[in-house]
Amino acid sequence: MPTESTSNPKDVQLESLIQGRIRQMGTNIHVLVKGGQVTLTGTADDYKTKREIDTLVKGIGGVDELINKLLVASITDGVYENYP
């Protein structure tokens, strides 16, 4: 669902497309698109999932820049970590 801060119709369309693709991976990540710049926030289950999401989004036409702020949930201790 596009956010209120997304006003450009192309950004709204791109945001919806990215959200749909990410949901197919079984994740609940927040996506914000502004002028082709995509920002991802939320928590990925593991580092592999974070990388897969990164690769997926970078491969979508119209994405000029990706800012991946996803945190990775650490299964062993339940702590969230921010991996590059």
N, C-alpha and C. Protein backbone atom coordinates (compact mmCIF):
# COMPACT_ATOMS: atom_id res chain seq x y z
N MET A 1 0.83 -1.17 0.00
CA MET A 1 0.00 0.00 0.00
C MET A 1 0.88 1.24 0.00
N PRO A 2 0.69 2.13 -0.94
CA PRO A 2 1.51 3.33 -0.99
C PRO A 2 1.34 4.17 0.26
N THR A 3 2.41 4.82 0.69
CA THR A 3 2.35 5.66 1.87
C THR A 3 1.88 7.06 1.49
N GLU A 4 1.44 7.80 2.49
CA GLU A 4 0.95 9.16 2.25
C GLU A 4 2.07 10.07 1.76
N SER A 5 3.31 9.78 2.12
CA SER A 5 4.42 10.65 1.74
C SER A 5 4.83 10.45 0.28
N THR A 6 4.32 9.42 -0.36
CA THR A 6 4.63 9.18 -1.76
C THR A 6 3.58 9.89 -2.60
N SER A 7 3.99 10.90 -3.38
CA SER A 7 3.01 11.68 -4.12
C SER A 7 3.13 11.53 -5.63
N ASN A 8 4.29 11.24 -6.15
CA ASN A 8 4.50 11.09 -7.57
C ASN A 8 3.86 9.78 -8.03
N PRO A 9 3.00 9.81 -9.05
CA PRO A 9 2.34 8.58 -9.51
C PRO A 9 3.31 7.45 -9.88
N LYS A 10 4.46 7.80 -10.46
CA LYS A 10 5.45 6.77 -10.79
C LYS A 10 6.01 6.14 -9.52
N ASP A 11 6.24 6.96 -8.50
CA ASP A 11 6.74 6.44 -7.23
C ASP A 11 5.70 5.53 -6.57
N VAL A 12 4.44 5.93 -6.64
CA VAL A 12 3.36 5.13 -6.05
C VAL A 12 3.30 3.76 -6.74
N GLN A 13 3.39 3.77 -8.06
CA GLN A 13 3.36 2.52 -8.82
C GLN A 13 4.56 1.63 -8.48
N LEU A 14 5.74 2.23 -8.42
CA LEU A 14 6.96 1.48 -8.11
C LEU A 14 6.90 0.93 -6.68
N GLU A 15 6.41 1.73 -5.75
CA GLU A 15 6.29 1.28 -4.35
C GLU A 15 5.35 0.08 -4.25
N SER A 16 4.23 0.14 -4.93
CA SER A 16 3.28 -0.98 -4.92
C SER A 16 3.89 -2.25 -5.52
N LEU A 17 4.62 -2.08 -6.61
CA LEU A 17 5.27 -3.21 -7.26
C LEU A 17 6.29 -3.87 -6.33
N ILE A 18 7.12 -3.05 -5.69
CA ILE A 18 8.15 -3.58 -4.79
C ILE A 18 7.49 -4.27 -3.59
N GLN A 19 6.49 -3.64 -2.99
CA GLN A 19 5.80 -4.25 -1.85
C GLN A 19 5.24 -5.61 -2.24
N GLY A 20 4.63 -5.71 -3.40
CA GLY A 20 4.06 -6.97 -3.86
C GLY A 20 5.11 -8.06 -4.03
N ARG A 21 6.24 -7.69 -4.61
CA ARG A 21 7.31 -8.68 -4.82
C ARG A 21 7.91 -9.14 -3.50
N ILE A 22 8.09 -8.20 -2.58
CA ILE A 22 8.65 -8.55 -1.27
C ILE A 22 7.68 -9.44 -0.49
N ARG A 23 6.39 -9.13 -0.56
CA ARG A 23 5.40 -9.95 0.13
C ARG A 23 5.41 -11.39 -0.38
N GLN A 24 5.69 -11.59 -1.66
CA GLN A 24 5.77 -12.94 -2.22
C GLN A 24 6.89 -13.74 -1.55
N MET A 25 7.85 -13.04 -0.97
CA MET A 25 8.95 -13.70 -0.27
C MET A 25 8.56 -14.01 1.18
N GLY A 26 7.36 -13.61 1.57
CA GLY A 26 6.89 -13.91 2.91
C GLY A 26 7.41 -12.96 3.97
N THR A 27 7.78 -11.75 3.58
CA THR A 27 8.29 -10.80 4.55
C THR A 27 7.36 -9.60 4.67
N ASN A 28 7.48 -8.89 5.76
CA ASN A 28 6.69 -7.69 6.00
C ASN A 28 7.66 -6.52 6.18
N ILE A 29 8.07 -5.95 5.07
CA ILE A 29 9.06 -4.88 5.04
C ILE A 29 8.37 -3.60 4.57
N HIS A 30 8.73 -2.47 5.17
CA HIS A 30 8.18 -1.18 4.76
C HIS A 30 9.01 -0.62 3.61
N VAL A 31 8.32 -0.13 2.58
CA VAL A 31 8.97 0.42 1.40
C VAL A 31 8.53 1.86 1.21
N LEU A 32 9.49 2.75 0.98
CA LEU A 32 9.20 4.14 0.67
C LEU A 32 9.95 4.49 -0.60
N VAL A 33 9.25 5.07 -1.57
CA VAL A 33 9.88 5.47 -2.83
C VAL A 33 9.68 6.96 -3.02
N LYS A 34 10.77 7.64 -3.32
CA LYS A 34 10.71 9.07 -3.57
C LYS A 34 11.69 9.39 -4.69
N GLY A 35 11.16 9.75 -5.84
CA GLY A 35 12.02 10.10 -6.98
C GLY A 35 12.91 8.98 -7.45
N GLY A 36 12.43 7.74 -7.36
CA GLY A 36 13.22 6.59 -7.78
C GLY A 36 14.17 6.06 -6.72
N GLN A 37 14.25 6.77 -5.60
CA GLN A 37 15.08 6.33 -4.47
C GLN A 37 14.20 5.48 -3.56
N VAL A 38 14.62 4.24 -3.33
CA VAL A 38 13.85 3.29 -2.54
C VAL A 38 14.52 3.11 -1.18
N THR A 39 13.73 3.25 -0.12
CA THR A 39 14.23 3.01 1.23
C THR A 39 13.46 1.84 1.82
N LEU A 40 14.19 0.85 2.32
CA LEU A 40 13.60 -0.33 2.95
C LEU A 40 13.86 -0.27 4.44
N THR A 41 12.82 -0.49 5.25
CA THR A 41 12.97 -0.58 6.69
C THR A 41 12.19 -1.78 7.18
N GLY A 42 12.55 -2.26 8.35
CA GLY A 42 11.89 -3.43 8.91
C GLY A 42 12.94 -4.45 9.31
N THR A 43 12.49 -5.69 9.46
CA THR A 43 13.38 -6.75 9.92
C THR A 43 13.31 -7.96 8.99
N ALA A 44 14.47 -8.39 8.54
CA ALA A 44 14.58 -9.62 7.75
C ALA A 44 14.88 -10.77 8.72
N ASP A 45 14.42 -11.95 8.39
CA ASP A 45 14.63 -13.10 9.26
C ASP A 45 16.10 -13.45 9.42
N ASP A 46 16.87 -13.26 8.35
CA ASP A 46 18.28 -13.60 8.40
C ASP A 46 19.03 -12.79 7.35
N TYR A 47 20.34 -12.89 7.39
CA TYR A 47 21.17 -12.12 6.46
C TYR A 47 20.91 -12.52 5.01
N LYS A 48 20.69 -13.80 4.76
CA LYS A 48 20.41 -14.27 3.40
C LYS A 48 19.16 -13.61 2.84
N THR A 49 18.11 -13.52 3.64
CA THR A 49 16.86 -12.89 3.20
C THR A 49 17.08 -11.41 2.90
N LYS A 50 17.87 -10.75 3.76
CA LYS A 50 18.16 -9.33 3.52
C LYS A 50 18.86 -9.15 2.17
N ARG A 51 19.83 -10.00 1.88
CA ARG A 51 20.55 -9.91 0.60
C ARG A 51 19.62 -10.21 -0.58
N GLU A 52 18.74 -11.20 -0.43
CA GLU A 52 17.80 -11.55 -1.50
C GLU A 52 16.86 -10.38 -1.79
N ILE A 53 16.39 -9.73 -0.76
CA ILE A 53 15.51 -8.57 -0.94
C ILE A 53 16.28 -7.45 -1.63
N ASP A 54 17.51 -7.20 -1.21
CA ASP A 54 18.36 -6.19 -1.80
C ASP A 54 18.52 -6.44 -3.31
N THR A 55 18.85 -7.66 -3.66
CA THR A 55 19.04 -8.04 -5.07
C THR A 55 17.74 -7.90 -5.85
N LEU A 56 16.64 -8.34 -5.26
CA LEU A 56 15.34 -8.25 -5.91
C LEU A 56 14.99 -6.80 -6.24
N VAL A 57 15.10 -5.93 -5.26
CA VAL A 57 14.72 -4.53 -5.46
C VAL A 57 15.63 -3.85 -6.47
N LYS A 58 16.93 -4.10 -6.40
CA LYS A 58 17.86 -3.50 -7.36
C LYS A 58 17.57 -3.93 -8.79
N GLY A 59 16.94 -5.09 -8.97
CA GLY A 59 16.63 -5.60 -10.30
C GLY A 59 15.33 -5.08 -10.88
N ILE A 60 14.60 -4.27 -10.15
CA ILE A 60 13.32 -3.75 -10.62
C ILE A 60 13.55 -2.43 -11.36
N GLY A 61 13.02 -2.35 -12.56
CA GLY A 61 13.14 -1.14 -13.36
C GLY A 61 12.54 0.06 -12.67
N GLY A 62 13.23 1.19 -12.72
CA GLY A 62 12.75 2.42 -12.09
C GLY A 62 13.42 2.69 -10.75
N VAL A 63 14.13 1.70 -10.21
CA VAL A 63 14.86 1.89 -8.96
C VAL A 63 16.20 2.52 -9.31
N ASP A 64 16.37 3.78 -8.93
CA ASP A 64 17.61 4.49 -9.21
C ASP A 64 18.63 4.32 -8.09
N GLU A 65 18.12 4.22 -6.87
CA GLU A 65 19.00 4.09 -5.71
C GLU A 65 18.27 3.29 -4.64
N LEU A 66 18.99 2.45 -3.93
CA LEU A 66 18.40 1.66 -2.84
C LEU A 66 19.12 1.98 -1.54
N ILE A 67 18.33 2.34 -0.54
CA ILE A 67 18.84 2.53 0.82
C ILE A 67 18.23 1.40 1.64
N ASN A 68 19.05 0.42 1.96
CA ASN A 68 18.58 -0.77 2.66
C ASN A 68 18.89 -0.63 4.15
N LYS A 69 17.84 -0.29 4.92
CA LYS A 69 17.98 -0.11 6.37
C LYS A 69 17.42 -1.31 7.13
N LEU A 70 17.31 -2.43 6.46
CA LEU A 70 16.74 -3.61 7.10
C LEU A 70 17.64 -4.11 8.23
N LEU A 71 17.02 -4.49 9.32
CA LEU A 71 17.70 -5.13 10.42
C LEU A 71 17.59 -6.63 10.23
N VAL A 72 18.50 -7.37 10.80
CA VAL A 72 18.48 -8.83 10.71
C VAL A 72 18.21 -9.39 12.10
N ALA A 73 17.20 -10.24 12.19
CA ALA A 73 16.87 -10.87 13.47
C ALA A 73 17.87 -11.98 13.74
N SER A 74 18.45 -11.94 14.91
CA SER A 74 19.39 -12.98 15.31
C SER A 74 18.60 -14.09 16.00
N ILE A 75 18.57 -15.25 15.40
CA ILE A 75 17.79 -16.37 15.92
C ILE A 75 18.34 -16.85 17.27
N THR A 76 19.64 -16.80 17.45
CA THR A 76 20.24 -17.38 18.64
C THR A 76 19.94 -16.60 19.92
N ASP A 77 19.90 -15.27 19.84
CA ASP A 77 19.68 -14.52 21.06
C ASP A 77 18.50 -13.56 21.02
N GLY A 78 17.76 -13.57 19.92
CA GLY A 78 16.57 -12.73 19.81
C GLY A 78 16.87 -11.24 19.70
N VAL A 79 18.11 -10.88 19.43
CA VAL A 79 18.50 -9.48 19.32
C VAL A 79 18.54 -9.11 17.84
N TYR A 80 18.15 -7.88 17.56
CA TYR A 80 18.21 -7.41 16.18
C TYR A 80 19.57 -6.76 15.94
N GLU A 81 20.12 -7.08 14.79
CA GLU A 81 21.42 -6.53 14.44
C GLU A 81 21.32 -5.87 13.07
N ASN A 82 22.08 -4.83 12.88
CA ASN A 82 22.09 -4.14 11.60
C ASN A 82 23.34 -4.53 10.84
N TYR A 83 23.17 -5.47 9.93
CA TYR A 83 24.28 -5.93 9.08
C TYR A 83 24.27 -5.15 7.79
N PRO A 84 25.41 -4.91 7.20
CA PRO A 84 25.46 -4.20 5.91
C PRO A 84 24.82 -5.00 4.80
